[in-house]
Amino acid sequence: MNDTVRVRLAVGWGEECGTMVWNAYGSQHDDDKSRVEMLDNWDHGDHIVFVEADIPLPKAQTVEGEVK
């Protein structure tokens, strides 16, 4: 079993009122075109790159404690 999941996000940035703004969007159900369209809808489509990463999956943990 793999203990990570591969993600692909579209990251868009631009300038708004003299300030650098950015946003990222990604979903396992979207293709790259849908990701870019979402950033365009948010007006963060000036510059877009794709970021891929392996994200560790959460692991079940046992926490010991005592109730008094």
Protein backbone atom coordinates (compact mmCIF):
# COMPACT_ATOMS: atom_id res chain seq x y z
CA MET A 1 0.00 0.00 0.00
CA ASN A 2 1.26 3.45 -0.90
CA ASP A 3 1.56 5.88 2.01
CA THR A 4 1.35 9.00 -0.21
CA VAL A 5 -1.04 10.48 -2.73
CA ARG A 6 0.12 12.36 -5.83
CA VAL A 7 -1.56 15.75 -6.28
CA ARG A 8 -1.50 18.23 -9.16
CA LEU A 9 -2.44 21.84 -8.50
CA ALA A 10 -2.71 24.82 -10.78
CA VAL A 11 -1.14 27.88 -9.13
CA GLY A 12 -1.98 31.28 -10.55
CA TRP A 13 -0.65 34.66 -9.56
CA GLY A 14 -0.83 38.26 -10.64
CA GLU A 15 -0.94 41.79 -9.34
CA GLU A 16 -4.02 43.35 -7.84
CA CYS A 17 -4.00 46.96 -6.59
CA GLY A 18 -0.19 46.89 -6.41
CA THR A 19 -0.13 43.68 -4.35
CA MET A 20 0.95 40.23 -5.50
CA VAL A 21 -1.98 37.81 -5.19
CA TRP A 22 -2.03 34.08 -5.77
CA ASN A 23 -4.36 31.12 -5.51
CA ALA A 24 -4.16 27.39 -6.10
CA TYR A 25 -6.77 24.91 -7.24
CA GLY A 26 -6.84 21.21 -7.86
CA SER A 27 -9.19 18.28 -7.59
CA GLN A 28 -8.83 14.63 -8.46
CA HIS A 29 -11.90 15.01 -10.67
CA ASP A 30 -10.63 17.96 -12.77
CA ASP A 31 -8.36 18.03 -15.79
CA ASP A 32 -5.81 20.81 -16.39
CA LYS A 33 -8.26 22.82 -18.50
CA SER A 34 -10.79 22.88 -15.64
CA ARG A 35 -8.08 23.92 -13.17
CA VAL A 36 -6.99 26.81 -15.37
CA GLU A 37 -10.61 27.90 -15.93
CA MET A 38 -11.15 28.02 -12.15
CA LEU A 39 -8.13 30.29 -11.69
CA ASP A 40 -9.33 32.49 -14.54
CA ASN A 41 -12.72 32.77 -12.79
CA TRP A 42 -10.91 33.94 -9.65
CA ASP A 43 -8.93 36.51 -11.72
CA HIS A 44 -5.65 34.79 -10.86
CA GLY A 45 -4.89 33.65 -14.38
CA ASP A 46 -2.13 36.13 -15.28
CA HIS A 47 0.57 33.51 -14.72
CA ILE A 48 -0.21 29.84 -14.16
CA VAL A 49 2.08 26.92 -13.37
CA PHE A 50 1.31 23.37 -12.30
CA VAL A 51 2.74 21.96 -9.11
CA GLU A 52 2.89 18.22 -8.47
CA ALA A 53 3.68 16.75 -5.08
CA ASP A 54 3.48 13.50 -3.14
CA ILE A 55 1.51 14.23 0.02
CA PRO A 56 1.76 11.81 2.95
CA LEU A 57 -1.52 10.17 3.90
CA PRO A 58 -2.61 10.58 7.50
CA LYS A 59 -1.86 7.60 9.69
CA ALA A 60 -4.03 6.31 12.48
CA GLN A 61 -2.42 6.94 15.83
CA THR A 62 -3.11 5.68 19.31
CA VAL A 63 -2.96 8.31 22.01
CA GLU A 64 -2.73 7.06 25.55
CA GLY A 65 -4.38 9.04 28.27
CA GLU A 66 -5.97 8.81 31.63
CA VAL A 67 -9.30 10.26 32.74
CA LYS A 68 -9.47 11.30 36.39
